[in-house]
Amino acid sequence: MKNQPSFFLNNGFADKVEIEKVLKQVQDFYQESKKEGLFVSKEEFIAMNSPEQKTSHSSPKLTSENNLCYTDISWFFESKTFLKLTEHLTKLLGPDIDMVIARVLITLPVCDIPDYVQEIILPVEGKTSGALGPYIKPEWSKASFFAYNPWHNDAIDFPESDCYFMSALFPLTPRNNGKAPLSFVPHITPLGKIPQPFRPSIKENEISFSVKDKLMSFPIETPDVKLQDVLTWHAYTIHNVGLNTSNEPAFSLRFLFNPSHRKNGLRDKGHIRPISRSWVTQITENHQG
């Protein structure tokens, strides 16, 4: 079990024309946000987080009605690439699956992040979140913005879930040479749900941390992903997104799938989209309908 991988890289998986169309739309969205002003000012941020305002203010949530994937990029759900992806996921999760998350992820280069935000989120060491949502203007909350994403597994986002799900990610930009590299711990899934946040130590290509007072070490893999590739991984797979030290943002398209009968932990049921059904389930659902 320990040597069984829990993430998979499929090179050249996506249709080139379709994935380039998505990339163009995401690039246009980002360029517009930069032109109009992506971040709230330092003064606005301080005011929003004052004792008088903090109880009534919260950072915008990415809902099923306010999501770039379900608006501008909704055509992708009918694409050859998405159909191929769902067929691939049924082999891993079974014939009855739902899509429960679809998001555009944008990892900003440090040079595009205001100084006052950098003072809060840097250095990376010791931080448990690199999300930029609290600093982004509400009108641009259709995508998820990050400076980095520390070591975690996806169970942290869905505490009410039974965590029987798979994530799929299309990198829309190369993720090497300091451009928000993606790293995985591929042989850790048998440990199941591990208390988070992690406090690991990293030495070269090895990660170490304590699990039930026992120090454990695992190899790290940082795949060289390119346009048209797809990455898939299990909910318990520990991974991270490194700091983007390039001059360009890193774009990704991320989905999450789980078997339709499993507990997904989502409060916004509008996110859930039926994807694939066995003939038995089709008959049952049609009868119930």
C-alpha atoms as a PDB file:
ATOM      1  CA  MET A   1       0.000   0.000   0.000  1.00  0.00           C
ATOM      2  CA  LYS A   2       2.746   2.441   0.896  1.00  0.00           C
ATOM      3  CA  ASN A   3       4.257   2.218  -2.599  1.00  0.00           C
ATOM      4  CA  GLN A   4       0.950   2.747  -4.381  1.00  0.00           C
ATOM      5  CA  PRO A   5       0.863   6.267  -5.857  1.00  0.00           C
ATOM      6  CA  SER A   6      -2.040   8.583  -5.081  1.00  0.00           C
ATOM      7  CA  PHE A   7      -1.535  11.161  -7.818  1.00  0.00           C
ATOM      8  CA  PHE A   8      -1.304  10.716 -11.556  1.00  0.00           C
ATOM      9  CA  LEU A   9       0.134  12.846 -14.352  1.00  0.00           C
ATOM     10  CA  ASN A  10      -1.288  12.355 -17.842  1.00  0.00           C
ATOM     11  CA  ASN A  11       0.753  14.217 -20.455  1.00  0.00           C
ATOM     12  CA  GLY A  12      -0.964  15.740 -23.482  1.00  0.00           C
ATOM     13  CA  PHE A  13      -4.390  14.798 -22.114  1.00  0.00           C
ATOM     14  CA  ALA A  14      -6.377  17.919 -23.072  1.00  0.00           C
ATOM     15  CA  ASP A  15      -7.413  19.079 -26.513  1.00  0.00           C
ATOM     16  CA  LYS A  16      -4.971  21.846 -27.499  1.00  0.00           C
ATOM     17  CA  VAL A  17      -7.568  24.172 -29.058  1.00  0.00           C
ATOM     18  CA  GLU A  18      -9.945  23.839 -26.103  1.00  0.00           C
ATOM     19  CA  ILE A  19      -7.323  24.374 -23.437  1.00  0.00           C
ATOM     20  CA  GLU A  20      -5.878  27.389 -25.278  1.00  0.00           C
ATOM     21  CA  LYS A  21      -9.380  28.879 -25.445  1.00  0.00           C
ATOM     22  CA  VAL A  22      -9.730  28.523 -21.660  1.00  0.00           C
ATOM     23  CA  LEU A  23      -6.295  30.059 -21.161  1.00  0.00           C
ATOM     24  CA  LYS A  24      -7.203  33.068 -23.326  1.00  0.00           C
ATOM     25  CA  GLN A  25     -10.385  33.692 -21.308  1.00  0.00           C
ATOM     26  CA  VAL A  26      -8.556  33.442 -17.987  1.00  0.00           C
ATOM     27  CA  GLN A  27      -5.772  35.721 -19.235  1.00  0.00           C
ATOM     28  CA  ASP A  28      -8.349  38.298 -20.366  1.00  0.00           C
ATOM     29  CA  PHE A  29     -10.065  38.131 -16.962  1.00  0.00           C
ATOM     30  CA  TYR A  30      -6.770  38.640 -15.157  1.00  0.00           C
ATOM     31  CA  GLN A  31      -5.633  41.510 -17.387  1.00  0.00           C
ATOM     32  CA  GLU A  32      -8.954  43.277 -16.854  1.00  0.00           C
ATOM     33  CA  SER A  33      -8.659  42.823 -13.091  1.00  0.00           C
ATOM     34  CA  LYS A  34      -5.144  44.299 -13.118  1.00  0.00           C
ATOM     35  CA  LYS A  35      -6.265  47.243 -15.227  1.00  0.00           C
ATOM     36  CA  GLU A  36      -9.258  48.032 -13.010  1.00  0.00           C
ATOM     37  CA  GLY A  37      -7.465  47.262  -9.737  1.00  0.00           C
ATOM     38  CA  LEU A  38      -7.416  43.752  -8.265  1.00  0.00           C
ATOM     39  CA  PHE A  39      -6.602  44.491  -4.627  1.00  0.00           C
ATOM     40  CA  VAL A  40      -8.271  46.641  -1.999  1.00  0.00           C
ATOM     41  CA  SER A  41      -5.989  49.351  -0.647  1.00  0.00           C
ATOM     42  CA  LYS A  42      -4.168  49.022   2.647  1.00  0.00           C
ATOM     43  CA  GLU A  43      -6.532  51.584   4.168  1.00  0.00           C
ATOM     44  CA  GLU A  44      -9.603  49.700   2.938  1.00  0.00           C
ATOM     45  CA  PHE A  45      -8.228  46.425   4.293  1.00  0.00           C
ATOM     46  CA  ILE A  46      -7.557  47.962   7.715  1.00  0.00           C
ATOM     47  CA  ALA A  47     -11.043  49.474   7.781  1.00  0.00           C
ATOM     48  CA  MET A  48     -12.684  46.176   6.795  1.00  0.00           C
ATOM     49  CA  ASN A  49     -10.848  44.375   9.588  1.00  0.00           C
ATOM     50  CA  SER A  50     -11.503  46.948  12.303  1.00  0.00           C
ATOM     51  CA  PRO A  51     -13.481  45.737  15.366  1.00  0.00           C
ATOM     52  CA  GLU A  52     -16.476  47.763  14.175  1.00  0.00           C
ATOM     53  CA  GLN A  53     -16.544  46.242  10.670  1.00  0.00           C
ATOM     54  CA  LYS A  54     -15.079  42.770  11.097  1.00  0.00           C
ATOM     55  CA  THR A  55     -18.276  41.171  12.384  1.00  0.00           C
ATOM     56  CA  SER A  56     -20.240  42.312   9.334  1.00  0.00           C
ATOM     57  CA  HIS A  57     -17.493  41.877   6.743  1.00  0.00           C
ATOM     58  CA  SER A  58     -16.203  38.669   5.258  1.00  0.00           C
ATOM     59  CA  SER A  59     -14.201  38.021   2.122  1.00  0.00           C
ATOM     60  CA  PRO A  60     -16.346  37.171  -0.950  1.00  0.00           C
ATOM     61  CA  LYS A  61     -17.223  33.505  -1.312  1.00  0.00           C
ATOM     62  CA  LEU A  62     -16.929  31.622  -4.557  1.00  0.00           C
ATOM     63  CA  THR A  63     -20.488  30.384  -4.979  1.00  0.00           C
ATOM     64  CA  SER A  64     -22.084  28.433  -7.800  1.00  0.00           C
ATOM     65  CA  GLU A  65     -23.577  31.713  -9.046  1.00  0.00           C
ATOM     66  CA  ASN A  66     -20.334  33.697  -8.782  1.00  0.00           C
ATOM     67  CA  ASN A  67     -17.777  31.478 -10.455  1.00  0.00           C
ATOM     68  CA  LEU A  68     -15.843  31.960 -13.682  1.00  0.00           C
ATOM     69  CA  CYS A  69     -16.192  28.252 -14.452  1.00  0.00           C
ATOM     70  CA  TYR A  70     -20.006  28.377 -14.321  1.00  0.00           C
ATOM     71  CA  THR A  71     -20.290  31.637 -16.272  1.00  0.00           C
ATOM     72  CA  ASP A  72     -17.707  32.604 -18.911  1.00  0.00           C
ATOM     73  CA  ILE A  73     -16.104  29.144 -19.128  1.00  0.00           C
ATOM     74  CA  SER A  74     -19.238  27.006 -18.744  1.00  0.00           C
ATOM     75  CA  TRP A  75     -18.815  25.816 -22.350  1.00  0.00           C
ATOM     76  CA  PHE A  76     -15.905  23.684 -21.134  1.00  0.00           C
ATOM     77  CA  PHE A  77     -18.332  21.270 -19.443  1.00  0.00           C
ATOM     78  CA  GLU A  78     -19.479  20.242 -22.953  1.00  0.00           C
ATOM     79  CA  SER A  79     -15.960  19.958 -24.369  1.00  0.00           C
ATOM     80  CA  LYS A  80     -14.119  16.869 -25.590  1.00  0.00           C
ATOM     81  CA  THR A  81     -11.518  17.401 -22.867  1.00  0.00           C
ATOM     82  CA  PHE A  82     -14.061  17.440 -20.039  1.00  0.00           C
ATOM     83  CA  LEU A  83     -15.826  14.348 -21.392  1.00  0.00           C
ATOM     84  CA  LYS A  84     -12.489  12.541 -21.581  1.00  0.00           C
ATOM     85  CA  LEU A  85     -11.726  13.628 -18.012  1.00  0.00           C
ATOM     86  CA  THR A  86     -15.014  12.305 -16.640  1.00  0.00           C
ATOM     87  CA  GLU A  87     -14.526   9.001 -18.450  1.00  0.00           C
ATOM     88  CA  HIS A  88     -11.092   8.764 -16.842  1.00  0.00           C
ATOM     89  CA  LEU A  89     -12.515   9.555 -13.387  1.00  0.00           C
ATOM     90  CA  THR A  90     -15.217   6.865 -13.616  1.00  0.00           C
ATOM     91  CA  LYS A  91     -12.411   4.302 -13.831  1.00  0.00           C
ATOM     92  CA  LEU A  92     -11.098   5.573 -10.488  1.00  0.00           C
ATOM     93  CA  LEU A  93     -14.329   6.383  -8.638  1.00  0.00           C
ATOM     94  CA  GLY A  94     -16.983   4.184 -10.223  1.00  0.00           C
ATOM     95  CA  PRO A  95     -19.798   4.820 -12.736  1.00  0.00           C
ATOM     96  CA  ASP A  96     -21.880   7.180 -10.554  1.00  0.00           C
ATOM     97  CA  ILE A  97     -19.978  10.431 -10.000  1.00  0.00           C
ATOM     98  CA  ASP A  98     -20.736  14.103  -9.409  1.00  0.00           C
ATOM     99  CA  MET A  99     -18.610  17.167  -9.970  1.00  0.00           C
ATOM    100  CA  VAL A 100     -18.673  19.110  -6.710  1.00  0.00           C
ATOM    101  CA  ILE A 101     -16.089  21.829  -7.336  1.00  0.00           C
ATOM    102  CA  ALA A 102     -14.941  23.751 -10.421  1.00  0.00           C
ATOM    103  CA  ARG A 103     -12.561  26.682 -10.012  1.00  0.00           C
ATOM    104  CA  VAL A 104     -10.099  28.879 -11.807  1.00  0.00           C
ATOM    105  CA  LEU A 105      -6.938  29.148  -9.693  1.00  0.00           C
ATOM    106  CA  ILE A 106      -4.564  32.072 -10.157  1.00  0.00           C
ATOM    107  CA  THR A 107      -1.229  32.042  -8.322  1.00  0.00           C
ATOM    108  CA  LEU A 108       0.113  35.563  -8.554  1.00  0.00           C
ATOM    109  CA  PRO A 109       3.770  36.448  -8.986  1.00  0.00           C
ATOM    110  CA  VAL A 110       5.189  38.193  -5.927  1.00  0.00           C
ATOM    111  CA  CYS A 111       5.804  41.316  -8.028  1.00  0.00           C
ATOM    112  CA  ASP A 112       2.018  41.713  -8.550  1.00  0.00           C
ATOM    113  CA  ILE A 113       1.185  41.523  -4.832  1.00  0.00           C
ATOM    114  CA  PRO A 114       0.996  44.850  -2.923  1.00  0.00           C
ATOM    115  CA  ASP A 115       3.668  45.515  -0.304  1.00  0.00           C
ATOM    116  CA  TYR A 116       1.183  45.574   2.590  1.00  0.00           C
ATOM    117  CA  VAL A 117      -0.057  42.083   1.625  1.00  0.00           C
ATOM    118  CA  GLN A 118       3.479  40.760   1.289  1.00  0.00           C
ATOM    119  CA  GLU A 119       4.209  41.962   4.814  1.00  0.00           C
ATOM    120  CA  ILE A 120       1.362  39.741   6.050  1.00  0.00           C
ATOM    121  CA  ILE A 121       1.849  36.583   3.994  1.00  0.00           C
ATOM    122  CA  LEU A 122       5.638  36.438   3.670  1.00  0.00           C
ATOM    123  CA  PRO A 123       7.885  34.705   4.420  1.00  0.00           C
ATOM    124  CA  VAL A 124       6.180  31.426   3.529  1.00  0.00           C
ATOM    125  CA  GLU A 125       7.824  29.409   6.327  1.00  0.00           C
ATOM    126  CA  GLY A 126       5.448  28.843   9.233  1.00  0.00           C
ATOM    127  CA  LYS A 127       2.371  30.131   7.380  1.00  0.00           C
ATOM    128  CA  THR A 128      -0.735  27.958   7.065  1.00  0.00           C
ATOM    129  CA  SER A 129      -2.409  29.814   4.188  1.00  0.00           C
ATOM    130  CA  GLY A 130      -1.346  31.730   1.118  1.00  0.00           C
ATOM    131  CA  ALA A 131      -4.865  32.594  -0.025  1.00  0.00           C
ATOM    132  CA  LEU A 132      -5.323  36.156  -1.253  1.00  0.00           C
ATOM    133  CA  GLY A 133      -9.130  36.235  -1.065  1.00  0.00           C
ATOM    134  CA  PRO A 134      -9.317  38.668   1.897  1.00  0.00           C
ATOM    135  CA  TYR A 135      -7.356  41.279  -0.086  1.00  0.00           C
ATOM    136  CA  ILE A 136      -9.166  40.974  -3.429  1.00  0.00           C
ATOM    137  CA  LYS A 137     -11.948  43.332  -4.507  1.00  0.00           C
ATOM    138  CA  PRO A 138     -15.360  41.574  -4.491  1.00  0.00           C
ATOM    139  CA  GLU A 139     -15.932  42.017  -8.229  1.00  0.00           C
ATOM    140  CA  TRP A 140     -12.954  39.754  -8.990  1.00  0.00           C
ATOM    141  CA  SER A 141     -13.944  36.896  -6.679  1.00  0.00           C
ATOM    142  CA  LYS A 142     -15.017  34.753  -9.641  1.00  0.00           C
ATOM    143  CA  ALA A 143     -11.591  33.093  -9.418  1.00  0.00           C
ATOM    144  CA  SER A 144      -9.488  31.889  -6.470  1.00  0.00           C
ATOM    145  CA  PHE A 145      -6.299  33.895  -5.974  1.00  0.00           C
ATOM    146  CA  PHE A 146      -3.210  32.632  -4.146  1.00  0.00           C
ATOM    147  CA  ALA A 147       0.363  33.666  -3.433  1.00  0.00           C
ATOM    148  CA  TYR A 148       1.206  30.043  -2.576  1.00  0.00           C
ATOM    149  CA  ASN A 149      -0.501  27.091  -0.923  1.00  0.00           C
ATOM    150  CA  PRO A 150       1.397  25.434   1.966  1.00  0.00           C
ATOM    151  CA  TRP A 151       1.573  21.676   2.465  1.00  0.00           C
ATOM    152  CA  HIS A 152      -1.940  20.291   2.958  1.00  0.00           C
ATOM    153  CA  ASN A 153      -4.360  17.716   1.710  1.00  0.00           C
ATOM    154  CA  ASP A 154      -7.813  18.536   0.370  1.00  0.00           C
ATOM    155  CA  ALA A 155      -9.587  17.107   3.409  1.00  0.00           C
ATOM    156  CA  ILE A 156      -8.884  20.456   5.090  1.00  0.00           C
ATOM    157  CA  ASP A 157     -11.384  22.178   2.769  1.00  0.00           C
ATOM    158  CA  PHE A 158     -14.169  19.676   3.376  1.00  0.00           C
ATOM    159  CA  PRO A 159     -14.210  18.728   7.075  1.00  0.00           C
ATOM    160  CA  GLU A 160     -17.783  17.396   6.802  1.00  0.00           C
ATOM    161  CA  SER A 161     -16.901  15.129   3.881  1.00  0.00           C
ATOM    162  CA  ASP A 162     -16.046  11.446   4.008  1.00  0.00           C
ATOM    163  CA  CYS A 163     -13.086  12.456   1.794  1.00  0.00           C
ATOM    164  CA  TYR A 164     -13.720   9.841  -0.855  1.00  0.00           C
ATOM    165  CA  PHE A 165     -13.034  12.175  -3.759  1.00  0.00           C
ATOM    166  CA  MET A 166     -10.483  12.999  -6.444  1.00  0.00           C
ATOM    167  CA  SER A 167      -9.172  16.348  -7.615  1.00  0.00           C
ATOM    168  CA  ALA A 168      -8.236  17.054 -11.224  1.00  0.00           C
ATOM    169  CA  LEU A 169      -6.136  20.017 -12.308  1.00  0.00           C
ATOM    170  CA  PHE A 170      -5.300  21.357 -15.751  1.00  0.00           C
ATOM    171  CA  PRO A 171      -2.223  23.617 -15.502  1.00  0.00           C
ATOM    172  CA  LEU A 172      -2.865  26.354 -18.064  1.00  0.00           C
ATOM    173  CA  THR A 173       0.718  27.598 -17.783  1.00  0.00           C
ATOM    174  CA  PRO A 174       4.003  25.699 -17.289  1.00  0.00           C
ATOM    175  CA  ARG A 175       4.806  25.199 -13.601  1.00  0.00           C
ATOM    176  CA  ASN A 176       8.589  25.160 -13.571  1.00  0.00           C
ATOM    177  CA  ASN A 177      11.425  27.668 -13.186  1.00  0.00           C
ATOM    178  CA  GLY A 178       9.866  29.166 -10.066  1.00  0.00           C
ATOM    179  CA  LYS A 179       6.401  29.578 -11.575  1.00  0.00           C
ATOM    180  CA  ALA A 180       4.373  28.279  -8.620  1.00  0.00           C
ATOM    181  CA  PRO A 181       5.699  24.683  -8.805  1.00  0.00           C
ATOM    182  CA  LEU A 182       3.326  21.871  -7.805  1.00  0.00           C
ATOM    183  CA  SER A 183       4.735  19.228  -5.455  1.00  0.00           C
ATOM    184  CA  PHE A 184       3.158  15.992  -4.209  1.00  0.00           C
ATOM    185  CA  VAL A 185       3.763  13.303  -1.599  1.00  0.00           C
ATOM    186  CA  PRO A 186       2.540  10.361  -3.679  1.00  0.00           C
ATOM    187  CA  HIS A 187       2.771   7.461  -1.212  1.00  0.00           C
ATOM    188  CA  ILE A 188       1.011   8.906   1.818  1.00  0.00           C
ATOM    189  CA  THR A 189      -2.658   8.121   1.149  1.00  0.00           C
ATOM    190  CA  PRO A 190      -2.810   4.947   3.316  1.00  0.00           C
ATOM    191  CA  LEU A 191      -2.311   7.144   6.408  1.00  0.00           C
ATOM    192  CA  GLY A 192      -5.786   8.579   5.828  1.00  0.00           C
ATOM    193  CA  LYS A 193      -6.900  11.853   7.361  1.00  0.00           C
ATOM    194  CA  ILE A 194      -3.995  13.523   9.175  1.00  0.00           C
ATOM    195  CA  PRO A 195      -4.571  16.483  11.533  1.00  0.00           C
ATOM    196  CA  GLN A 196      -3.888  19.775   9.787  1.00  0.00           C
ATOM    197  CA  PRO A 197      -2.189  22.212   9.446  1.00  0.00           C
ATOM    198  CA  PHE A 198       1.032  20.300   8.913  1.00  0.00           C
ATOM    199  CA  ARG A 199       4.325  21.341  10.449  1.00  0.00           C
ATOM    200  CA  PRO A 200       6.700  19.453   8.155  1.00  0.00           C
ATOM    201  CA  SER A 201      10.416  19.708   7.719  1.00  0.00           C
ATOM    202  CA  ILE A 202      11.747  19.588   4.164  1.00  0.00           C
ATOM    203  CA  LYS A 203      15.173  18.285   3.253  1.00  0.00           C
ATOM    204  CA  GLU A 204      15.951  18.142  -0.449  1.00  0.00           C
ATOM    205  CA  ASN A 205      13.229  15.913  -1.938  1.00  0.00           C
ATOM    206  CA  GLU A 206      11.918  14.483   1.335  1.00  0.00           C
ATOM    207  CA  ILE A 207       9.186  15.629   3.707  1.00  0.00           C
ATOM    208  CA  SER A 208       9.059  14.632   7.387  1.00  0.00           C
ATOM    209  CA  PHE A 209       6.402  15.212  10.048  1.00  0.00           C
ATOM    210  CA  SER A 210       4.924  13.529  13.106  1.00  0.00           C
ATOM    211  CA  VAL A 211       1.853  11.311  12.886  1.00  0.00           C
ATOM    212  CA  LYS A 212       0.566  10.103  16.268  1.00  0.00           C
ATOM    213  CA  ASP A 213       3.921  11.007  17.850  1.00  0.00           C
ATOM    214  CA  LYS A 214       5.812   9.011  15.245  1.00  0.00           C
ATOM    215  CA  LEU A 215       8.204  10.815  12.883  1.00  0.00           C
ATOM    216  CA  MET A 216       7.608   9.710   9.310  1.00  0.00           C
ATOM    217  CA  SER A 217       9.386  10.635   6.083  1.00  0.00           C
ATOM    218  CA  PHE A 218       8.226  10.422   2.477  1.00  0.00           C
ATOM    219  CA  PRO A 219       9.668  11.336  -0.934  1.00  0.00           C
ATOM    220  CA  ILE A 220       8.431  14.460  -2.707  1.00  0.00           C
ATOM    221  CA  GLU A 221       7.736  14.611  -6.427  1.00  0.00           C
ATOM    222  CA  THR A 222       7.586  17.878  -8.392  1.00  0.00           C
ATOM    223  CA  PRO A 223       6.351  16.988 -11.881  1.00  0.00           C
ATOM    224  CA  ASP A 224       7.249  19.147 -14.873  1.00  0.00           C
ATOM    225  CA  VAL A 225       3.709  19.915 -16.027  1.00  0.00           C
ATOM    226  CA  LYS A 226       2.824  21.649 -19.283  1.00  0.00           C
ATOM    227  CA  LEU A 227      -0.172  22.893 -21.205  1.00  0.00           C
ATOM    228  CA  GLN A 228      -2.549  20.004 -22.097  1.00  0.00           C
ATOM    229  CA  ASP A 229      -1.398  17.907 -19.089  1.00  0.00           C
ATOM    230  CA  VAL A 230      -3.802  16.895 -16.341  1.00  0.00           C
ATOM    231  CA  LEU A 231      -3.024  15.963 -12.731  1.00  0.00           C
ATOM    232  CA  THR A 232      -5.383  13.890 -10.606  1.00  0.00           C
ATOM    233  CA  TRP A 233      -4.995  13.047  -6.923  1.00  0.00           C
ATOM    234  CA  HIS A 234      -6.811  11.568  -3.957  1.00  0.00           C
ATOM    235  CA  ALA A 235      -8.180  13.711  -1.124  1.00  0.00           C
ATOM    236  CA  TYR A 236      -5.509  12.435   1.286  1.00  0.00           C
ATOM    237  CA  THR A 237      -2.587  13.239  -1.006  1.00  0.00           C
ATOM    238  CA  ILE A 238      -0.393  15.896   0.609  1.00  0.00           C
ATOM    239  CA  HIS A 239       0.699  18.574  -1.845  1.00  0.00           C
ATOM    240  CA  ASN A 240       1.659  22.220  -2.080  1.00  0.00           C
ATOM    241  CA  VAL A 241       1.993  25.106  -4.495  1.00  0.00           C
ATOM    242  CA  GLY A 242       5.241  26.993  -4.209  1.00  0.00           C
ATOM    243  CA  LEU A 243       5.757  30.737  -4.343  1.00  0.00           C
ATOM    244  CA  ASN A 244       5.557  32.240  -7.822  1.00  0.00           C
ATOM    245  CA  THR A 245       8.907  33.968  -8.269  1.00  0.00           C
ATOM    246  CA  SER A 246       8.446  34.527 -12.012  1.00  0.00           C
ATOM    247  CA  ASN A 247       6.999  37.661 -13.604  1.00  0.00           C
ATOM    248  CA  GLU A 248       3.797  36.003 -14.832  1.00  0.00           C
ATOM    249  CA  PRO A 249       0.768  34.501 -13.049  1.00  0.00           C
ATOM    250  CA  ALA A 250       0.238  30.743 -12.973  1.00  0.00           C
ATOM    251  CA  PHE A 251      -3.245  29.729 -14.136  1.00  0.00           C
ATOM    252  CA  SER A 252      -5.011  26.426 -13.475  1.00  0.00           C
ATOM    253  CA  LEU A 253      -8.417  24.869 -13.928  1.00  0.00           C
ATOM    254  CA  ARG A 254      -9.349  22.659 -10.988  1.00  0.00           C
ATOM    255  CA  PHE A 255     -12.221  20.190 -10.524  1.00  0.00           C
ATOM    256  CA  LEU A 256     -13.274  17.858  -7.753  1.00  0.00           C
ATOM    257  CA  PHE A 257     -15.312  14.695  -8.239  1.00  0.00           C
ATOM    258  CA  ASN A 258     -16.849  12.191  -5.849  1.00  0.00           C
ATOM    259  CA  PRO A 259     -19.169   9.177  -6.114  1.00  0.00           C
ATOM    260  CA  SER A 260     -22.763  10.406  -6.140  1.00  0.00           C
ATOM    261  CA  HIS A 261     -23.716   8.428  -3.024  1.00  0.00           C
ATOM    262  CA  ARG A 262     -20.874   9.803  -0.896  1.00  0.00           C
ATOM    263  CA  LYS A 263     -21.026  12.673   1.584  1.00  0.00           C
ATOM    264  CA  ASN A 264     -19.324  15.641  -0.049  1.00  0.00           C
ATOM    265  CA  GLY A 265     -19.645  18.185   2.767  1.00  0.00           C
ATOM    266  CA  LEU A 266     -20.729  21.058   0.508  1.00  0.00           C
ATOM    267  CA  ARG A 267     -23.119  23.640   1.877  1.00  0.00           C
ATOM    268  CA  ASP A 268     -23.749  25.266  -1.511  1.00  0.00           C
ATOM    269  CA  LYS A 269     -25.563  22.471  -3.332  1.00  0.00           C
ATOM    270  CA  GLY A 270     -25.554  24.548  -6.504  1.00  0.00           C
ATOM    271  CA  HIS A 271     -21.977  23.432  -7.105  1.00  0.00           C
ATOM    272  CA  ILE A 272     -23.009  19.790  -7.537  1.00  0.00           C
ATOM    273  CA  ARG A 273     -23.332  18.631 -11.140  1.00  0.00           C
ATOM    274  CA  PRO A 274     -24.272  15.028 -12.021  1.00  0.00           C
ATOM    275  CA  ILE A 275     -21.606  13.691 -14.385  1.00  0.00           C
ATOM    276  CA  SER A 276     -21.942   9.974 -14.993  1.00  0.00           C
ATOM    277  CA  ARG A 277     -24.564   7.375 -14.053  1.00  0.00           C
ATOM    278  CA  SER A 278     -24.809   3.607 -14.423  1.00  0.00           C
ATOM    279  CA  TRP A 279     -27.938   2.251 -16.085  1.00  0.00           C
ATOM    280  CA  VAL A 280     -29.223   1.017 -12.715  1.00  0.00           C
ATOM    281  CA  THR A 281     -28.854   4.484 -11.199  1.00  0.00           C
ATOM    282  CA  GLN A 282     -30.492   6.101 -14.241  1.00  0.00           C
ATOM    283  CA  ILE A 283     -33.529   3.879 -13.827  1.00  0.00           C
ATOM    284  CA  THR A 284     -33.687   4.607 -10.080  1.00  0.00           C
ATOM    285  CA  GLU A 285     -33.308   8.366 -10.473  1.00  0.00           C
ATOM    286  CA  ASN A 286     -35.841   8.513 -13.301  1.00  0.00           C
ATOM    287  CA  HIS A 287     -38.315   6.555 -11.183  1.00  0.00           C
ATOM    288  CA  GLN A 288     -37.782   8.851  -8.194  1.00  0.00           C
ATOM    289  CA  GLY A 289     -38.077  11.898 -10.450  1.00  0.00           C
END
